[in-house]
Amino acid sequence: DKQKSGAAIEDEENSNGSRPSASNNDLPFEAKTISFADADAEGCSAMEQRIQQLAQSLSRVGRVLDRHRESVFAERKECENVT
């Protein structure tokens, strides 16, 4: 019983290739409710996380620019010393 023939597997698949599932009428409908305060707090938390990510990205960009500026100044100094 554990192994099924190819025809049996095909019979279980719907026309779109997905496995059969219970129809929407068979499942109990359950709506999730959330208060405005909870939704607002969740939105603020997500925004704070995004701000923190952006601040970290800006910090990395700043460090890269600092290294680049220092290397440009070092190259200019070498050129001035050569001439």
N, C-alpha and C. Protein backbone atom coordinates (compact mmCIF):
# COMPACT_ATOMS: atom_id res chain seq x y z
N ASP A 1 0.81 -1.21 0.00
CA ASP A 1 0.00 0.00 0.00
C ASP A 1 0.85 1.26 0.00
N LYS A 2 2.08 1.16 0.51
CA LYS A 2 2.92 2.34 0.60
C LYS A 2 3.34 2.83 -0.77
N GLN A 3 3.49 1.92 -1.73
CA GLN A 3 3.87 2.31 -3.08
C GLN A 3 2.61 2.41 -3.92
N LYS A 4 2.52 3.48 -4.72
CA LYS A 4 1.37 3.68 -5.58
C LYS A 4 1.81 3.63 -7.02
N SER A 5 0.93 3.18 -7.87
CA SER A 5 1.25 3.17 -9.28
C SER A 5 1.20 4.57 -9.83
N GLY A 6 1.79 4.76 -11.02
CA GLY A 6 1.79 6.08 -11.65
C GLY A 6 0.39 6.59 -11.89
N ALA A 7 -0.54 5.71 -12.26
CA ALA A 7 -1.92 6.12 -12.51
C ALA A 7 -2.58 6.60 -11.22
N ALA A 8 -2.32 5.92 -10.12
CA ALA A 8 -2.92 6.32 -8.85
C ALA A 8 -2.41 7.69 -8.42
N ILE A 9 -1.12 7.95 -8.64
CA ILE A 9 -0.56 9.25 -8.29
C ILE A 9 -1.16 10.33 -9.16
N GLU A 10 -1.30 10.04 -10.46
CA GLU A 10 -1.89 11.03 -11.36
C GLU A 10 -3.33 11.32 -11.00
N ASP A 11 -4.06 10.30 -10.56
CA ASP A 11 -5.46 10.50 -10.17
C ASP A 11 -5.56 11.43 -8.97
N GLU A 12 -4.55 11.41 -8.09
CA GLU A 12 -4.59 12.25 -6.90
C GLU A 12 -4.24 13.70 -7.20
N GLU A 13 -3.54 13.93 -8.31
CA GLU A 13 -3.14 15.29 -8.65
C GLU A 13 -4.26 16.01 -9.36
N ASN A 14 -4.40 17.28 -9.08
CA ASN A 14 -5.38 18.10 -9.79
C ASN A 14 -4.83 18.48 -11.14
N SER A 15 -5.61 19.12 -11.95
CA SER A 15 -5.18 19.50 -13.29
C SER A 15 -4.01 20.48 -13.25
N ASN A 16 -3.87 21.27 -12.18
CA ASN A 16 -2.76 22.22 -12.09
C ASN A 16 -1.51 21.59 -11.48
N GLY A 17 -1.54 20.30 -11.19
CA GLY A 17 -0.36 19.62 -10.71
C GLY A 17 -0.22 19.61 -9.20
N SER A 18 -1.15 20.22 -8.48
CA SER A 18 -1.03 20.24 -7.02
C SER A 18 -1.74 19.04 -6.44
N ARG A 19 -1.41 18.71 -5.24
CA ARG A 19 -2.05 17.59 -4.55
C ARG A 19 -3.48 17.98 -4.18
N PRO A 20 -4.38 17.03 -4.09
CA PRO A 20 -5.74 17.36 -3.71
C PRO A 20 -5.79 17.86 -2.28
N SER A 21 -6.66 18.80 -2.03
CA SER A 21 -6.81 19.33 -0.68
C SER A 21 -8.29 19.48 -0.40
N ALA A 22 -8.62 19.69 0.85
CA ALA A 22 -10.02 19.88 1.21
C ALA A 22 -10.52 21.16 0.59
N SER A 23 -11.76 21.15 0.19
CA SER A 23 -12.32 22.36 -0.42
C SER A 23 -12.52 23.42 0.65
N ASN A 24 -12.70 24.66 0.21
CA ASN A 24 -12.87 25.76 1.15
C ASN A 24 -14.12 25.57 2.01
N ASN A 25 -15.13 24.89 1.48
CA ASN A 25 -16.36 24.69 2.24
C ASN A 25 -16.15 23.72 3.40
N ASP A 26 -15.17 22.83 3.29
CA ASP A 26 -14.93 21.85 4.34
C ASP A 26 -14.13 22.42 5.50
N LEU A 27 -13.41 23.51 5.26
CA LEU A 27 -12.55 24.07 6.29
C LEU A 27 -13.29 25.14 7.08
N PRO A 28 -13.10 25.16 8.39
CA PRO A 28 -13.73 26.24 9.17
C PRO A 28 -13.04 27.57 8.86
N PHE A 29 -13.81 28.61 8.75
CA PHE A 29 -13.26 29.94 8.46
C PHE A 29 -12.82 30.56 9.77
N GLU A 30 -11.58 30.99 9.81
CA GLU A 30 -11.04 31.60 11.02
C GLU A 30 -10.34 32.89 10.64
N ALA A 31 -10.85 33.99 11.13
CA ALA A 31 -10.25 35.29 10.84
C ALA A 31 -9.39 35.71 12.01
N LYS A 32 -8.24 36.25 11.69
CA LYS A 32 -7.37 36.77 12.74
C LYS A 32 -7.65 38.25 12.89
N THR A 33 -7.89 38.66 14.09
CA THR A 33 -8.13 40.08 14.35
C THR A 33 -6.95 40.64 15.12
N ILE A 34 -6.67 41.88 14.87
CA ILE A 34 -5.57 42.56 15.56
C ILE A 34 -6.05 43.98 15.84
N SER A 35 -5.74 44.45 17.01
CA SER A 35 -6.19 45.79 17.37
C SER A 35 -5.33 46.83 16.66
N PHE A 36 -5.86 48.04 16.57
CA PHE A 36 -5.10 49.11 15.95
C PHE A 36 -3.81 49.38 16.72
N ALA A 37 -3.87 49.30 18.03
CA ALA A 37 -2.67 49.55 18.85
C ALA A 37 -1.61 48.49 18.57
N ASP A 38 -2.04 47.23 18.47
CA ASP A 38 -1.09 46.16 18.18
C ASP A 38 -0.49 46.31 16.79
N ALA A 39 -1.35 46.66 15.83
CA ALA A 39 -0.86 46.86 14.47
C ALA A 39 0.10 48.03 14.41
N ASP A 40 -0.21 49.09 15.13
CA ASP A 40 0.66 50.26 15.16
C ASP A 40 2.00 49.92 15.79
N ALA A 41 1.97 49.17 16.88
CA ALA A 41 3.21 48.78 17.55
C ALA A 41 4.05 47.89 16.64
N GLU A 42 3.39 46.98 15.91
CA GLU A 42 4.11 46.10 15.00
C GLU A 42 4.74 46.91 13.86
N GLY A 43 4.00 47.90 13.36
CA GLY A 43 4.52 48.76 12.31
C GLY A 43 5.70 49.58 12.79
N CYS A 44 5.60 50.10 14.00
CA CYS A 44 6.70 50.89 14.57
C CYS A 44 7.94 50.02 14.78
N SER A 45 7.73 48.81 15.24
CA SER A 45 8.86 47.90 15.45
C SER A 45 9.54 47.59 14.12
N ALA A 46 8.75 47.33 13.10
CA ALA A 46 9.33 47.04 11.78
C ALA A 46 10.08 48.25 11.24
N MET A 47 9.53 49.44 11.48
CA MET A 47 10.19 50.66 11.00
C MET A 47 11.50 50.89 11.76
N GLU A 48 11.50 50.64 13.06
CA GLU A 48 12.73 50.80 13.84
C GLU A 48 13.81 49.83 13.37
N GLN A 49 13.41 48.60 13.06
CA GLN A 49 14.38 47.63 12.55
C GLN A 49 14.94 48.09 11.21
N ARG A 50 14.09 48.60 10.34
CA ARG A 50 14.54 49.08 9.03
C ARG A 50 15.48 50.27 9.20
N ILE A 51 15.17 51.18 10.11
CA ILE A 51 16.04 52.33 10.37
C ILE A 51 17.40 51.86 10.85
N GLN A 52 17.41 50.85 11.74
CA GLN A 52 18.67 50.32 12.24
C GLN A 52 19.48 49.69 11.10
N GLN A 53 18.80 48.95 10.21
CA GLN A 53 19.51 48.36 9.07
C GLN A 53 20.11 49.44 8.17
N LEU A 54 19.33 50.49 7.92
CA LEU A 54 19.83 51.57 7.07
C LEU A 54 21.00 52.30 7.72
N ALA A 55 20.92 52.49 9.03
CA ALA A 55 22.02 53.15 9.73
C ALA A 55 23.29 52.31 9.64
N GLN A 56 23.16 50.98 9.77
CA GLN A 56 24.32 50.11 9.64
C GLN A 56 24.90 50.18 8.22
N SER A 57 24.01 50.21 7.24
CA SER A 57 24.48 50.30 5.85
C SER A 57 25.22 51.61 5.61
N LEU A 58 24.67 52.70 6.12
CA LEU A 58 25.33 54.00 5.97
C LEU A 58 26.68 54.02 6.67
N SER A 59 26.76 53.37 7.81
CA SER A 59 28.02 53.30 8.54
C SER A 59 29.07 52.55 7.71
N ARG A 60 28.65 51.43 7.10
CA ARG A 60 29.59 50.69 6.25
C ARG A 60 30.03 51.53 5.06
N VAL A 61 29.11 52.24 4.43
CA VAL A 61 29.46 53.09 3.30
C VAL A 61 30.43 54.17 3.74
N GLY A 62 30.19 54.75 4.91
CA GLY A 62 31.09 55.77 5.44
C GLY A 62 32.50 55.25 5.65
N ARG A 63 32.61 54.03 6.18
CA ARG A 63 33.93 53.44 6.39
C ARG A 63 34.64 53.20 5.07
N VAL A 64 33.90 52.73 4.06
CA VAL A 64 34.50 52.50 2.74
C VAL A 64 34.98 53.82 2.16
N LEU A 65 34.17 54.87 2.27
CA LEU A 65 34.57 56.18 1.75
C LEU A 65 35.79 56.72 2.49
N ASP A 66 35.85 56.51 3.79
CA ASP A 66 37.02 56.95 4.56
C ASP A 66 38.29 56.25 4.09
N ARG A 67 38.20 54.93 3.88
CA ARG A 67 39.38 54.19 3.39
C ARG A 67 39.78 54.68 2.01
N HIS A 68 38.79 54.93 1.15
CA HIS A 68 39.10 55.41 -0.19
C HIS A 68 39.76 56.78 -0.14
N ARG A 69 39.23 57.67 0.68
CA ARG A 69 39.80 59.02 0.80
C ARG A 69 41.23 58.95 1.31
N GLU A 70 41.47 58.10 2.30
CA GLU A 70 42.82 57.96 2.84
C GLU A 70 43.78 57.42 1.78
N SER A 71 43.31 56.48 0.96
CA SER A 71 44.19 55.94 -0.08
C SER A 71 44.47 56.99 -1.14
N VAL A 72 43.47 57.83 -1.48
CA VAL A 72 43.68 58.89 -2.46
C VAL A 72 44.69 59.91 -1.92
N PHE A 73 44.55 60.28 -0.66
CA PHE A 73 45.50 61.23 -0.06
C PHE A 73 46.90 60.64 -0.02
N ALA A 74 47.00 59.34 0.27
CA ALA A 74 48.31 58.69 0.32
C ALA A 74 48.95 58.68 -1.07
N GLU A 75 48.15 58.43 -2.10
CA GLU A 75 48.68 58.45 -3.47
C GLU A 75 49.14 59.84 -3.86
N ARG A 76 48.38 60.86 -3.49
CA ARG A 76 48.78 62.24 -3.81
C ARG A 76 50.08 62.61 -3.11
N LYS A 77 50.19 62.16 -1.86
CA LYS A 77 51.39 62.46 -1.10
C LYS A 77 52.61 61.81 -1.75
N GLU A 78 52.43 60.56 -2.21
CA GLU A 78 53.53 59.85 -2.89
C GLU A 78 53.91 60.58 -4.17
N CYS A 79 52.90 61.05 -4.91
CA CYS A 79 53.19 61.77 -6.16
C CYS A 79 53.93 63.08 -5.89
N GLU A 80 53.57 63.78 -4.81
CA GLU A 80 54.23 65.03 -4.47
C GLU A 80 55.67 64.78 -4.04
N ASN A 81 55.90 63.68 -3.36
CA ASN A 81 57.25 63.35 -2.89
C ASN A 81 58.15 62.93 -4.05
N VAL A 82 57.60 62.36 -5.09
CA VAL A 82 58.38 61.91 -6.24
C VAL A 82 58.83 63.09 -7.07
N THR A 83 57.98 64.10 -7.23
CA THR A 83 58.32 65.24 -8.08
C THR A 83 59.21 66.23 -7.40
